[in-house]
C-alpha atoms as a PDB file:
ATOM      1  CA  UNK A   1      26.415  90.758 139.551  1.00  0.00           C
ATOM      2  CA  UNK A   2      28.060  93.194 136.748  1.00  0.00           C
ATOM      3  CA  UNK A   3      31.477  94.245 135.948  1.00  0.00           C
ATOM      4  CA  UNK A   4      32.153  98.192 136.833  1.00  0.00           C
ATOM      5  CA  UNK A   5      35.144  99.924 136.464  1.00  0.00           C
ATOM      6  CA  UNK A   6      36.640 102.902 138.373  1.00  0.00           C
ATOM      7  CA  UNK A   7      37.416 106.003 136.665  1.00  0.00           C
ATOM      8  CA  UNK A   8      41.270 105.119 136.596  1.00  0.00           C
ATOM      9  CA  UNK A   9      42.886 102.532 134.521  1.00  0.00           C
ATOM     10  CA  UNK A  10      42.125 100.044 137.085  1.00  0.00           C
ATOM     11  CA  UNK A  11      40.851  96.427 136.106  1.00  0.00           C
ATOM     12  CA  UNK A  12      37.170  96.006 136.390  1.00  0.00           C
ATOM     13  CA  UNK A  13      35.606  94.779 139.565  1.00  0.00           C
ATOM     14  CA  UNK A  14      32.668  92.526 140.122  1.00  0.00           C
ATOM     15  CA  UNK A  15      29.838  94.364 142.033  1.00  0.00           C
ATOM     16  CA  UNK A  16      26.889  92.350 143.701  1.00  0.00           C
ATOM     17  CA  UNK A  17      23.923  94.691 144.184  1.00  0.00           C
ATOM     18  CA  UNK A  18      22.435  94.617 147.836  1.00  0.00           C
ATOM     19  CA  UNK A  19      19.133  94.834 146.359  1.00  0.00           C
ATOM     20  CA  UNK A  20      17.604  95.382 142.974  1.00  0.00           C
ATOM     21  CA  UNK A  21      16.071  98.495 144.214  1.00  0.00           C
ATOM     22  CA  UNK A  22      18.943  99.744 146.436  1.00  0.00           C
ATOM     23  CA  UNK A  23      21.489 102.290 145.077  1.00  0.00           C
ATOM     24  CA  UNK A  24      23.921 100.952 147.396  1.00  0.00           C
ATOM     25  CA  UNK A  25      26.291  98.383 146.405  1.00  0.00           C
ATOM     26  CA  UNK A  26      28.910  96.114 148.067  1.00  0.00           C
ATOM     27  CA  UNK A  27      32.179  94.921 146.074  1.00  0.00           C
ATOM     28  CA  UNK A  28      35.311  92.634 146.728  1.00  0.00           C
ATOM     29  CA  UNK A  29      38.516  93.145 145.829  1.00  0.00           C
ATOM     30  CA  UNK A  30      41.132  90.321 145.209  1.00  0.00           C
ATOM     31  CA  UNK A  31      44.282  90.478 147.466  1.00  0.00           C
ATOM     32  CA  UNK A  32      47.347  88.905 146.145  1.00  0.00           C
ATOM     33  CA  UNK A  33      50.165  88.112 148.136  1.00  0.00           C
ATOM     34  CA  UNK A  34      53.483  90.266 147.615  1.00  0.00           C
ATOM     35  CA  UNK A  35      57.023  89.635 148.858  1.00  0.00           C
ATOM     36  CA  UNK A  36      58.679  92.075 151.043  1.00  0.00           C
ATOM     37  CA  UNK A  37      61.922  93.087 149.386  1.00  0.00           C
ATOM     38  CA  UNK A  38      62.966  95.726 151.652  1.00  0.00           C
ATOM     39  CA  UNK A  39      62.417  97.420 154.897  1.00  0.00           C
ATOM     40  CA  UNK A  40      62.834 101.059 155.930  1.00  0.00           C
ATOM     41  CA  UNK A  41      63.385 102.519 159.698  1.00  0.00           C
ATOM     42  CA  UNK A  42      60.125 104.121 159.304  1.00  0.00           C
ATOM     43  CA  UNK A  43      57.759 101.186 159.046  1.00  0.00           C
ATOM     44  CA  UNK A  44      57.667 101.236 155.091  1.00  0.00           C
ATOM     45  CA  UNK A  45      58.607  98.466 152.870  1.00  0.00           C
ATOM     46  CA  UNK A  46      58.969  97.660 149.276  1.00  0.00           C
ATOM     47  CA  UNK A  47      56.707  94.921 148.432  1.00  0.00           C
ATOM     48  CA  UNK A  48      56.756  93.185 144.939  1.00  0.00           C
ATOM     49  CA  UNK A  49      53.793  91.425 143.526  1.00  0.00           C
ATOM     50  CA  UNK A  50      52.663  90.203 140.053  1.00  0.00           C
ATOM     51  CA  UNK A  51      52.070  94.022 139.223  1.00  0.00           C
ATOM     52  CA  UNK A  52      55.520  95.239 140.156  1.00  0.00           C
ATOM     53  CA  UNK A  53      56.758  96.947 143.196  1.00  0.00           C
ATOM     54  CA  UNK A  54      55.340  99.516 145.564  1.00  0.00           C
ATOM     55  CA  UNK A  55      55.928 101.182 148.963  1.00  0.00           C
ATOM     56  CA  UNK A  56      53.725  99.771 151.546  1.00  0.00           C
ATOM     57  CA  UNK A  57      53.282 100.374 155.366  1.00  0.00           C
ATOM     58  CA  UNK A  58      54.048  97.914 158.358  1.00  0.00           C
ATOM     59  CA  UNK A  59      52.269  99.631 160.708  1.00  0.00           C
ATOM     60  CA  UNK A  60      49.594  97.011 161.317  1.00  0.00           C
ATOM     61  CA  UNK A  61      51.689  93.993 161.465  1.00  0.00           C
ATOM     62  CA  UNK A  62      54.676  93.120 163.670  1.00  0.00           C
ATOM     63  CA  UNK A  63      57.698  90.922 163.015  1.00  0.00           C
ATOM     64  CA  UNK A  64      57.831  91.490 159.332  1.00  0.00           C
ATOM     65  CA  UNK A  65      60.999  90.432 157.493  1.00  0.00           C
ATOM     66  CA  UNK A  66      62.642  90.821 153.994  1.00  0.00           C
ATOM     67  CA  UNK A  67      61.312  87.836 152.017  1.00  0.00           C
ATOM     68  CA  UNK A  68      57.845  87.277 153.881  1.00  0.00           C
ATOM     69  CA  UNK A  69      54.753  87.353 151.814  1.00  0.00           C
ATOM     70  CA  UNK A  70      52.000  89.839 152.836  1.00  0.00           C
ATOM     71  CA  UNK A  71      48.387  90.675 151.805  1.00  0.00           C
ATOM     72  CA  UNK A  72      48.257  94.399 151.276  1.00  0.00           C
ATOM     73  CA  UNK A  73      44.966  96.357 151.536  1.00  0.00           C
ATOM     74  CA  UNK A  74      44.847 100.062 151.018  1.00  0.00           C
ATOM     75  CA  UNK A  75      48.645 100.514 151.349  1.00  0.00           C
ATOM     76  CA  UNK A  76      48.904  98.613 154.509  1.00  0.00           C
ATOM     77  CA  UNK A  77      50.112  94.919 154.961  1.00  0.00           C
ATOM     78  CA  UNK A  78      47.401  93.222 156.974  1.00  0.00           C
ATOM     79  CA  UNK A  79      48.443  89.426 157.124  1.00  0.00           C
ATOM     80  CA  UNK A  80      51.727  87.135 156.693  1.00  0.00           C
ATOM     81  CA  UNK A  81      51.692  84.077 154.430  1.00  0.00           C
ATOM     82  CA  UNK A  82      54.257  81.231 154.986  1.00  0.00           C
ATOM     83  CA  UNK A  83      56.170  81.429 151.438  1.00  0.00           C
ATOM     84  CA  UNK A  84      54.842  77.764 150.274  1.00  0.00           C
ATOM     85  CA  UNK A  85      50.985  79.222 150.878  1.00  0.00           C
ATOM     86  CA  UNK A  86      51.714  82.548 148.778  1.00  0.00           C
ATOM     87  CA  UNK A  87      53.123  80.693 146.181  1.00  0.00           C
ATOM     88  CA  UNK A  88      50.456  78.188 145.886  1.00  0.00           C
ATOM     89  CA  UNK A  89      47.890  80.990 145.729  1.00  0.00           C
ATOM     90  CA  UNK A  90      49.940  83.020 143.135  1.00  0.00           C
ATOM     91  CA  UNK A  91      50.038  79.638 141.162  1.00  0.00           C
ATOM     92  CA  UNK A  92      46.453  79.400 141.144  1.00  0.00           C
ATOM     93  CA  UNK A  93      45.723  83.293 140.593  1.00  0.00           C
ATOM     94  CA  UNK A  94      47.982  83.002 137.383  1.00  0.00           C
ATOM     95  CA  UNK A  95      46.304  79.491 136.278  1.00  0.00           C
ATOM     96  CA  UNK A  96      42.770  81.400 136.566  1.00  0.00           C
ATOM     97  CA  UNK A  97      44.131  84.377 134.654  1.00  0.00           C
ATOM     98  CA  UNK A  98      43.994  86.690 137.738  1.00  0.00           C
ATOM     99  CA  UNK A  99      47.516  87.530 138.160  1.00  0.00           C
ATOM    100  CA  UNK A 100      50.504  88.043 135.616  1.00  0.00           C
ATOM    101  CA  UNK A 101      53.630  86.133 136.115  1.00  0.00           C
ATOM    102  CA  UNK A 102      56.097  87.543 138.808  1.00  0.00           C
ATOM    103  CA  UNK A 103      57.035  91.294 137.691  1.00  0.00           C
ATOM    104  CA  UNK A 104      60.770  91.805 137.471  1.00  0.00           C
ATOM    105  CA  UNK A 105      62.247  94.313 140.105  1.00  0.00           C
ATOM    106  CA  UNK A 106      61.593  97.682 139.415  1.00  0.00           C
ATOM    107  CA  UNK A 107      58.634  96.886 137.049  1.00  0.00           C
ATOM    108  CA  UNK A 108      56.262  99.315 138.572  1.00  0.00           C
ATOM    109  CA  UNK A 109      57.766 102.619 140.191  1.00  0.00           C
ATOM    110  CA  UNK A 110      56.026 105.477 141.551  1.00  0.00           C
ATOM    111  CA  UNK A 111      57.556 108.950 141.516  1.00  0.00           C
ATOM    112  CA  UNK A 112      55.484 110.286 144.503  1.00  0.00           C
ATOM    113  CA  UNK A 113      56.267 107.191 147.064  1.00  0.00           C
ATOM    114  CA  UNK A 114      59.754 106.966 148.419  1.00  0.00           C
ATOM    115  CA  UNK A 115      61.712 104.482 150.578  1.00  0.00           C
ATOM    116  CA  UNK A 116      64.003 106.581 152.779  1.00  0.00           C
END
């Protein structure tokens, strides 16, 4: 395995080559639970995780409420978590140095994403 970084300011990901002679690689991302702060009528939500707030889609999950914890992949909430489970995961990630302390509200805002 070797660390690689994207061309952005993203953190390094670990990549495991499928075969030493292969040009193809697979990689794994670490999904961190995020708390739903606000839900809009159009099926988007404002979620807050260790890195701050962002706008996500709830199109793949039904019955999500404000205060729920979800796993987000590519901007879509893909799994709901019990609060105790999410807090335990977040605590373990912080202990391992893989997640920061909870971000304050509005710590990360995007100018191109708007919650109507």
